[in-house]
Amino acid sequence: MTEYAVLIPGDDAAWAAATDEQKRVMYDRHNAFAAMLAERGHKITGGAELTASATAKTVRLDGERTLVTDGPYAETTEQLTGFYTVQSDDLDDLLECVAFLAGEEGPLEVRACVDHSVGQA
């Protein structure tokens, strides 16, 4: 079984401006997505909604010094707002399920996770 990351970008300002009802509708959509995955044999193994990108800390190493700055690594309108990790044997079907969520979230990115246990005894 392959593990995939489903990366969810979003606009922090739009989410902050959303009404409680709009947020509830989005959470309901995510619950329906999770149910769809389970019904179709995919297994959510992790994930989280992330706090606003303004709360991020970016860490860099400058020679021997650790530099920490406030804010996200990249200054863009859209930031990573959440993710799922999903085990699946059927990437095509997983992508169909992700399309359900993308209908509300916008474009989502799906990537296979590197399996470091392959070839190890």
C-alpha atoms as a PDB file:
ATOM      1  CA  MET A   1       0.000   0.000   0.000  1.00  0.00           C
ATOM      2  CA  THR A   2       1.347   3.438  -0.905  1.00  0.00           C
ATOM      3  CA  GLU A   3       1.057   6.460   1.356  1.00  0.00           C
ATOM      4  CA  TYR A   4       0.102   9.777  -0.219  1.00  0.00           C
ATOM      5  CA  ALA A   5       0.018  13.330   1.084  1.00  0.00           C
ATOM      6  CA  VAL A   6      -2.977  15.426   0.080  1.00  0.00           C
ATOM      7  CA  LEU A   7      -1.854  19.043   0.412  1.00  0.00           C
ATOM      8  CA  ILE A   8      -4.512  21.707   0.862  1.00  0.00           C
ATOM      9  CA  PRO A   9      -3.590  25.299   0.027  1.00  0.00           C
ATOM     10  CA  GLY A  10      -5.806  28.182   1.012  1.00  0.00           C
ATOM     11  CA  ASP A  11      -6.134  31.882   1.608  1.00  0.00           C
ATOM     12  CA  ASP A  12      -5.782  32.737   5.312  1.00  0.00           C
ATOM     13  CA  ALA A  13      -7.637  36.032   4.878  1.00  0.00           C
ATOM     14  CA  ALA A  14     -10.609  34.376   3.181  1.00  0.00           C
ATOM     15  CA  TRP A  15     -10.847  31.767   5.950  1.00  0.00           C
ATOM     16  CA  ALA A  16     -10.601  34.426   8.664  1.00  0.00           C
ATOM     17  CA  ALA A  17     -13.427  36.357   6.973  1.00  0.00           C
ATOM     18  CA  ALA A  18     -15.654  33.287   6.550  1.00  0.00           C
ATOM     19  CA  THR A  19     -18.836  33.113   8.600  1.00  0.00           C
ATOM     20  CA  ASP A  20     -19.407  30.344  11.126  1.00  0.00           C
ATOM     21  CA  GLU A  21     -21.921  28.825   8.687  1.00  0.00           C
ATOM     22  CA  GLN A  22     -19.385  28.864   5.830  1.00  0.00           C
ATOM     23  CA  LYS A  23     -16.820  27.184   8.072  1.00  0.00           C
ATOM     24  CA  ARG A  24     -19.358  24.555   9.192  1.00  0.00           C
ATOM     25  CA  VAL A  25     -20.159  23.765   5.547  1.00  0.00           C
ATOM     26  CA  MET A  26     -16.437  23.290   4.822  1.00  0.00           C
ATOM     27  CA  TYR A  27     -15.947  21.061   7.879  1.00  0.00           C
ATOM     28  CA  ASP A  28     -18.963  19.010   6.778  1.00  0.00           C
ATOM     29  CA  ARG A  29     -17.337  18.651   3.343  1.00  0.00           C
ATOM     30  CA  HIS A  30     -14.153  17.335   4.968  1.00  0.00           C
ATOM     31  CA  ASN A  31     -16.176  14.853   7.054  1.00  0.00           C
ATOM     32  CA  ALA A  32     -17.900  13.641   3.874  1.00  0.00           C
ATOM     33  CA  PHE A  33     -14.484  13.340   2.193  1.00  0.00           C
ATOM     34  CA  ALA A  34     -13.187  11.201   5.077  1.00  0.00           C
ATOM     35  CA  ALA A  35     -16.272   8.986   4.900  1.00  0.00           C
ATOM     36  CA  MET A  36     -15.868   8.610   1.123  1.00  0.00           C
ATOM     37  CA  LEU A  37     -12.240   7.548   1.536  1.00  0.00           C
ATOM     38  CA  ALA A  38     -13.167   4.917   4.128  1.00  0.00           C
ATOM     39  CA  GLU A  39     -16.064   3.578   2.036  1.00  0.00           C
ATOM     40  CA  ARG A  40     -13.780   3.175  -0.964  1.00  0.00           C
ATOM     41  CA  GLY A  41     -10.958   1.389   0.872  1.00  0.00           C
ATOM     42  CA  HIS A  42      -8.531   4.266   1.438  1.00  0.00           C
ATOM     43  CA  LYS A  43      -7.157   4.811   4.930  1.00  0.00           C
ATOM     44  CA  ILE A  44      -6.462   8.224   6.437  1.00  0.00           C
ATOM     45  CA  THR A  45      -3.298   7.831   8.506  1.00  0.00           C
ATOM     46  CA  GLY A  46      -2.808  11.443   9.554  1.00  0.00           C
ATOM     47  CA  GLY A  47      -3.397  15.051   8.818  1.00  0.00           C
ATOM     48  CA  ALA A  48      -4.265  18.352  10.368  1.00  0.00           C
ATOM     49  CA  GLU A  49      -5.745  21.766   9.811  1.00  0.00           C
ATOM     50  CA  LEU A  50      -2.895  24.225  10.242  1.00  0.00           C
ATOM     51  CA  THR A  51      -3.015  27.557  12.030  1.00  0.00           C
ATOM     52  CA  ALA A  52      -2.785  30.751   9.976  1.00  0.00           C
ATOM     53  CA  SER A  53       0.491  31.211   8.135  1.00  0.00           C
ATOM     54  CA  ALA A  54       1.175  34.369  10.159  1.00  0.00           C
ATOM     55  CA  THR A  55       1.799  32.080  13.151  1.00  0.00           C
ATOM     56  CA  ALA A  56       4.534  30.186  11.302  1.00  0.00           C
ATOM     57  CA  LYS A  57       8.186  30.345  12.240  1.00  0.00           C
ATOM     58  CA  THR A  58      10.767  29.968   9.488  1.00  0.00           C
ATOM     59  CA  VAL A  59      14.095  28.494  10.596  1.00  0.00           C
ATOM     60  CA  ARG A  60      17.348  28.927   8.686  1.00  0.00           C
ATOM     61  CA  LEU A  61      20.944  28.100   9.478  1.00  0.00           C
ATOM     62  CA  ASP A  62      23.500  30.823   8.732  1.00  0.00           C
ATOM     63  CA  GLY A  63      26.855  29.227   9.316  1.00  0.00           C
ATOM     64  CA  GLU A  64      26.702  28.340  13.005  1.00  0.00           C
ATOM     65  CA  ARG A  65      23.761  30.631  13.810  1.00  0.00           C
ATOM     66  CA  THR A  66      20.123  29.582  13.827  1.00  0.00           C
ATOM     67  CA  LEU A  67      17.907  32.345  12.438  1.00  0.00           C
ATOM     68  CA  VAL A  68      14.201  32.286  13.223  1.00  0.00           C
ATOM     69  CA  THR A  69      11.821  34.691  11.514  1.00  0.00           C
ATOM     70  CA  ASP A  70       8.091  35.148  11.945  1.00  0.00           C
ATOM     71  CA  GLY A  71       5.807  34.168   9.103  1.00  0.00           C
ATOM     72  CA  PRO A  72       5.763  31.584   6.346  1.00  0.00           C
ATOM     73  CA  TYR A  73       8.699  30.544   4.185  1.00  0.00           C
ATOM     74  CA  ALA A  74       7.075  31.944   1.042  1.00  0.00           C
ATOM     75  CA  GLU A  75       5.161  35.214   0.884  1.00  0.00           C
ATOM     76  CA  THR A  76       2.165  34.303  -1.268  1.00  0.00           C
ATOM     77  CA  THR A  77      -1.592  34.740  -1.087  1.00  0.00           C
ATOM     78  CA  GLU A  78      -2.133  31.002  -0.740  1.00  0.00           C
ATOM     79  CA  GLN A  79      -0.385  28.998   1.938  1.00  0.00           C
ATOM     80  CA  LEU A  80      -0.528  25.395   3.083  1.00  0.00           C
ATOM     81  CA  THR A  81      -3.614  25.326   5.308  1.00  0.00           C
ATOM     82  CA  GLY A  82      -3.873  21.608   5.963  1.00  0.00           C
ATOM     83  CA  PHE A  83      -3.048  18.121   4.799  1.00  0.00           C
ATOM     84  CA  TYR A  84      -4.059  14.483   4.947  1.00  0.00           C
ATOM     85  CA  THR A  85      -1.888  11.413   4.699  1.00  0.00           C
ATOM     86  CA  VAL A  86      -3.758   8.553   3.057  1.00  0.00           C
ATOM     87  CA  GLN A  87      -2.799   4.938   2.368  1.00  0.00           C
ATOM     88  CA  SER A  88      -4.164   3.585  -0.876  1.00  0.00           C
ATOM     89  CA  ASP A  89      -3.674   0.841  -3.430  1.00  0.00           C
ATOM     90  CA  ASP A  90      -5.669   2.748  -6.055  1.00  0.00           C
ATOM     91  CA  LEU A  91      -4.257   6.162  -6.948  1.00  0.00           C
ATOM     92  CA  ASP A  92      -6.844   6.761  -9.670  1.00  0.00           C
ATOM     93  CA  ASP A  93      -9.723   6.270  -7.245  1.00  0.00           C
ATOM     94  CA  LEU A  94      -7.967   8.348  -4.586  1.00  0.00           C
ATOM     95  CA  LEU A  95      -7.683  11.189  -7.114  1.00  0.00           C
ATOM     96  CA  GLU A  96     -11.418  10.924  -7.795  1.00  0.00           C
ATOM     97  CA  CYS A  97     -12.080  11.283  -4.068  1.00  0.00           C
ATOM     98  CA  VAL A  98      -9.724  14.261  -3.851  1.00  0.00           C
ATOM     99  CA  ALA A  99     -11.639  15.863  -6.740  1.00  0.00           C
ATOM    100  CA  PHE A 100     -14.709  15.885  -4.460  1.00  0.00           C
ATOM    101  CA  LEU A 101     -12.790  18.043  -1.975  1.00  0.00           C
ATOM    102  CA  ALA A 102     -11.165  20.132  -4.718  1.00  0.00           C
ATOM    103  CA  GLY A 103     -14.640  21.175  -5.836  1.00  0.00           C
ATOM    104  CA  GLU A 104     -14.801  23.399  -2.752  1.00  0.00           C
ATOM    105  CA  GLU A 105     -11.145  23.896  -1.842  1.00  0.00           C
ATOM    106  CA  GLY A 106      -9.740  24.593  -5.299  1.00  0.00           C
ATOM    107  CA  PRO A 107      -6.718  22.776  -6.707  1.00  0.00           C
ATOM    108  CA  LEU A 108      -5.195  20.243  -4.326  1.00  0.00           C
ATOM    109  CA  GLU A 109      -1.844  18.513  -4.622  1.00  0.00           C
ATOM    110  CA  VAL A 110      -1.383  14.764  -4.161  1.00  0.00           C
ATOM    111  CA  ARG A 111       2.106  13.296  -3.779  1.00  0.00           C
ATOM    112  CA  ALA A 112       3.381   9.865  -2.899  1.00  0.00           C
ATOM    113  CA  CYS A 113       5.361   9.774   0.330  1.00  0.00           C
ATOM    114  CA  VAL A 114       8.863   8.315   0.181  1.00  0.00           C
ATOM    115  CA  ASP A 115       8.953   4.876   1.767  1.00  0.00           C
ATOM    116  CA  HIS A 116      12.369   4.534   3.388  1.00  0.00           C
ATOM    117  CA  SER A 117      11.632   0.982   4.519  1.00  0.00           C
ATOM    118  CA  VAL A 118      11.725  -0.382   0.957  1.00  0.00           C
ATOM    119  CA  GLY A 119      14.741  -2.618   0.532  1.00  0.00           C
ATOM    120  CA  GLN A 120      15.596  -2.669   4.235  1.00  0.00           C
ATOM    121  CA  ALA A 121      15.734  -5.894   6.167  1.00  0.00           C
END
